Amino acid sequence: MEVVNTVGRRKAAVARVYVKPGKGQITINHKELAAYFPLEILQYQVKQPLLATNTTESYDVVINLDGGGIKGQAEA
C-alpha cells in the first residue's frame, strides 16, 4: 500500500493527513502527538478514526496543520 492523503477542515483549521502502513506513530507538524496536543481529550479526537476501526497500531499518520485554534485543529 502506498501513502494515502486527504484534507480535513474545521472552521479556519486545515489538516493535511498522510496515512501509510507502520507501527502507529502520529506526527503533527514534525512533533509527536502528545507534544503538539498535551490535553488527552484532544489526543483522543485525533486518534478516534483509528480507534473506531481498530487500526491504531497498523498505520503511521503524518499531519500538517494550519490555521484555527487548538480545538479546531484537533477536530480537523
N, C-alpha and C. Protein backbone atom coordinates (compact mmCIF):
# COMPACT_ATOMS: atom_id res chain seq x y z
N MET A 1 0.84 -1.18 0.00
CA MET A 1 0.00 0.00 0.00
C MET A 1 0.89 1.24 0.00
N GLU A 2 0.52 2.20 -0.76
CA GLU A 2 1.27 3.45 -0.80
C GLU A 2 0.67 4.45 0.18
N VAL A 3 1.19 5.63 0.20
CA VAL A 3 0.71 6.68 1.09
C VAL A 3 -0.64 7.21 0.58
N VAL A 4 -1.60 7.30 1.49
CA VAL A 4 -2.91 7.86 1.17
C VAL A 4 -2.99 9.22 1.85
N ASN A 5 -3.45 10.24 1.11
CA ASN A 5 -3.57 11.55 1.73
C ASN A 5 -4.95 12.14 1.50
N THR A 6 -5.34 13.02 2.41
CA THR A 6 -6.62 13.70 2.33
C THR A 6 -6.54 15.01 3.09
N VAL A 7 -7.57 15.81 2.97
CA VAL A 7 -7.63 17.10 3.64
C VAL A 7 -8.87 17.13 4.53
N GLY A 8 -8.70 17.63 5.76
CA GLY A 8 -9.81 17.82 6.67
C GLY A 8 -9.89 19.28 7.08
N ARG A 9 -11.12 19.76 7.26
CA ARG A 9 -11.30 21.17 7.64
C ARG A 9 -12.29 21.27 8.80
N ARG A 10 -12.03 22.25 9.66
CA ARG A 10 -12.94 22.58 10.75
C ARG A 10 -12.75 24.05 11.04
N LYS A 11 -13.78 24.83 10.83
CA LYS A 11 -13.72 26.29 10.96
C LYS A 11 -12.56 26.82 10.13
N ALA A 12 -11.57 27.46 10.74
CA ALA A 12 -10.44 28.02 9.99
C ALA A 12 -9.25 27.07 9.92
N ALA A 13 -9.36 25.90 10.56
CA ALA A 13 -8.24 24.95 10.60
C ALA A 13 -8.27 24.03 9.38
N VAL A 14 -7.09 23.77 8.85
CA VAL A 14 -6.94 22.85 7.72
C VAL A 14 -5.91 21.79 8.09
N ALA A 15 -6.27 20.52 7.93
CA ALA A 15 -5.37 19.41 8.23
C ALA A 15 -5.10 18.63 6.95
N ARG A 16 -3.83 18.48 6.62
CA ARG A 16 -3.42 17.63 5.50
C ARG A 16 -2.88 16.35 6.14
N VAL A 17 -3.54 15.23 5.87
CA VAL A 17 -3.26 13.98 6.55
C VAL A 17 -2.68 12.96 5.57
N TYR A 18 -1.57 12.33 5.96
CA TYR A 18 -0.92 11.31 5.16
C TYR A 18 -0.88 10.03 6.00
N VAL A 19 -1.43 8.94 5.46
CA VAL A 19 -1.50 7.67 6.17
C VAL A 19 -0.74 6.62 5.38
N LYS A 20 0.13 5.87 6.07
CA LYS A 20 0.87 4.79 5.44
C LYS A 20 1.00 3.64 6.43
N PRO A 21 1.20 2.43 5.96
CA PRO A 21 1.39 1.31 6.89
C PRO A 21 2.59 1.56 7.80
N GLY A 22 2.45 1.18 9.06
CA GLY A 22 3.53 1.43 10.00
C GLY A 22 3.23 0.85 11.36
N LYS A 23 3.73 1.51 12.39
CA LYS A 23 3.64 1.00 13.77
C LYS A 23 2.76 1.83 14.68
N GLY A 24 2.04 2.80 14.14
CA GLY A 24 1.13 3.58 14.96
C GLY A 24 1.64 4.93 15.40
N GLN A 25 2.70 5.44 14.79
CA GLN A 25 3.21 6.77 15.15
C GLN A 25 2.33 7.85 14.54
N ILE A 26 2.02 8.87 15.33
CA ILE A 26 1.27 10.02 14.85
C ILE A 26 2.14 11.25 15.05
N THR A 27 2.43 11.94 13.95
CA THR A 27 3.28 13.12 13.97
C THR A 27 2.49 14.31 13.43
N ILE A 28 2.51 15.41 14.19
CA ILE A 28 1.79 16.61 13.78
C ILE A 28 2.79 17.76 13.70
N ASN A 29 2.91 18.36 12.54
CA ASN A 29 3.83 19.48 12.32
C ASN A 29 5.23 19.15 12.87
N HIS A 30 5.72 17.95 12.57
CA HIS A 30 7.05 17.48 12.95
C HIS A 30 7.22 17.29 14.46
N LYS A 31 6.11 17.15 15.20
CA LYS A 31 6.16 16.88 16.64
C LYS A 31 5.32 15.64 16.93
N GLU A 32 5.64 14.96 18.02
CA GLU A 32 4.82 13.83 18.45
C GLU A 32 3.44 14.32 18.87
N LEU A 33 2.45 13.43 18.82
CA LEU A 33 1.07 13.78 19.15
C LEU A 33 0.97 14.40 20.55
N ALA A 34 1.58 13.78 21.56
CA ALA A 34 1.49 14.27 22.94
C ALA A 34 2.17 15.62 23.12
N ALA A 35 3.18 15.90 22.31
CA ALA A 35 3.86 17.19 22.42
C ALA A 35 3.03 18.30 21.77
N TYR A 36 2.34 17.99 20.69
CA TYR A 36 1.56 19.01 19.99
C TYR A 36 0.23 19.26 20.69
N PHE A 37 -0.44 18.18 21.10
CA PHE A 37 -1.71 18.28 21.84
C PHE A 37 -1.52 17.70 23.23
N PRO A 38 -1.16 18.51 24.23
CA PRO A 38 -0.91 17.98 25.58
C PRO A 38 -2.18 17.49 26.30
N LEU A 39 -3.34 17.97 25.90
CA LEU A 39 -4.58 17.52 26.54
C LEU A 39 -5.02 16.18 25.97
N GLU A 40 -5.38 15.25 26.87
CA GLU A 40 -5.75 13.90 26.44
C GLU A 40 -7.01 13.89 25.59
N ILE A 41 -7.95 14.78 25.84
CA ILE A 41 -9.19 14.81 25.05
C ILE A 41 -8.90 15.17 23.60
N LEU A 42 -7.94 16.06 23.37
CA LEU A 42 -7.57 16.42 22.01
C LEU A 42 -6.82 15.28 21.33
N GLN A 43 -5.98 14.56 22.08
CA GLN A 43 -5.30 13.39 21.54
C GLN A 43 -6.32 12.32 21.14
N TYR A 44 -7.35 12.15 21.98
CA TYR A 44 -8.40 11.18 21.68
C TYR A 44 -9.14 11.55 20.39
N GLN A 45 -9.42 12.85 20.20
CA GLN A 45 -10.12 13.27 18.99
C GLN A 45 -9.29 12.98 17.74
N VAL A 46 -7.99 13.13 17.83
CA VAL A 46 -7.12 12.84 16.69
C VAL A 46 -7.11 11.33 16.41
N LYS A 47 -7.07 10.50 17.46
CA LYS A 47 -6.98 9.05 17.32
C LYS A 47 -8.32 8.38 17.03
N GLN A 48 -9.42 9.09 17.19
CA GLN A 48 -10.75 8.49 17.12
C GLN A 48 -11.02 7.67 15.85
N PRO A 49 -10.66 8.12 14.64
CA PRO A 49 -10.91 7.27 13.47
C PRO A 49 -10.13 5.95 13.50
N LEU A 50 -8.91 5.98 14.03
CA LEU A 50 -8.12 4.76 14.13
C LEU A 50 -8.68 3.83 15.20
N LEU A 51 -9.16 4.39 16.30
CA LEU A 51 -9.76 3.57 17.36
C LEU A 51 -11.05 2.92 16.89
N ALA A 52 -11.84 3.62 16.10
CA ALA A 52 -13.12 3.09 15.62
C ALA A 52 -12.92 1.91 14.68
N THR A 53 -11.80 1.89 13.97
CA THR A 53 -11.53 0.80 13.02
C THR A 53 -10.52 -0.22 13.54
N ASN A 54 -10.11 -0.08 14.79
CA ASN A 54 -9.13 -0.97 15.42
C ASN A 54 -7.83 -1.08 14.61
N THR A 55 -7.34 0.04 14.10
CA THR A 55 -6.12 0.06 13.32
C THR A 55 -5.07 1.00 13.91
N THR A 56 -5.14 1.23 15.21
CA THR A 56 -4.25 2.17 15.88
C THR A 56 -2.77 1.80 15.70
N GLU A 57 -2.46 0.53 15.76
CA GLU A 57 -1.07 0.07 15.67
C GLU A 57 -0.66 -0.33 14.25
N SER A 58 -1.53 -0.13 13.27
CA SER A 58 -1.25 -0.59 11.91
C SER A 58 -0.75 0.49 10.97
N TYR A 59 -0.98 1.75 11.29
CA TYR A 59 -0.66 2.83 10.37
C TYR A 59 0.11 3.96 11.06
N ASP A 60 1.02 4.57 10.30
CA ASP A 60 1.67 5.80 10.72
C ASP A 60 0.92 6.96 10.08
N VAL A 61 0.71 8.02 10.85
CA VAL A 61 -0.04 9.17 10.38
C VAL A 61 0.83 10.42 10.52
N VAL A 62 0.94 11.16 9.44
CA VAL A 62 1.65 12.44 9.44
C VAL A 62 0.62 13.51 9.10
N ILE A 63 0.52 14.53 9.97
CA ILE A 63 -0.49 15.58 9.79
C ILE A 63 0.20 16.93 9.75
N ASN A 64 -0.16 17.73 8.76
CA ASN A 64 0.29 19.11 8.68
C ASN A 64 -0.91 20.00 8.96
N LEU A 65 -0.86 20.73 10.06
CA LEU A 65 -1.96 21.59 10.48
C LEU A 65 -1.64 23.05 10.23
N ASP A 66 -2.69 23.80 9.89
CA ASP A 66 -2.51 25.23 9.64
C ASP A 66 -3.81 25.94 10.01
N GLY A 67 -3.69 27.09 10.63
CA GLY A 67 -4.84 27.95 10.93
C GLY A 67 -5.68 27.45 12.09
N GLY A 68 -6.61 28.31 12.51
CA GLY A 68 -7.56 27.97 13.57
C GLY A 68 -6.94 27.88 14.94
N GLY A 69 -7.75 27.45 15.88
CA GLY A 69 -7.29 27.26 17.25
C GLY A 69 -6.98 25.81 17.52
N ILE A 70 -6.57 25.50 18.74
CA ILE A 70 -6.12 24.15 19.07
C ILE A 70 -7.27 23.14 18.95
N LYS A 71 -8.48 23.51 19.39
CA LYS A 71 -9.61 22.60 19.31
C LYS A 71 -10.03 22.37 17.86
N GLY A 72 -10.09 23.41 17.08
CA GLY A 72 -10.43 23.28 15.66
C GLY A 72 -9.41 22.45 14.91
N GLN A 73 -8.14 22.58 15.28
CA GLN A 73 -7.11 21.78 14.64
C GLN A 73 -7.27 20.32 14.96
N ALA A 74 -7.59 20.00 16.21
CA ALA A 74 -7.78 18.60 16.59
C ALA A 74 -8.98 18.00 15.88
N GLU A 75 -10.03 18.77 15.70
CA GLU A 75 -11.23 18.26 15.04
C GLU A 75 -11.07 18.19 13.52
N ALA A 76 -10.18 18.99 12.97
CA ALA A 76 -9.96 18.95 11.51
C ALA A 76 -9.32 17.62 11.15
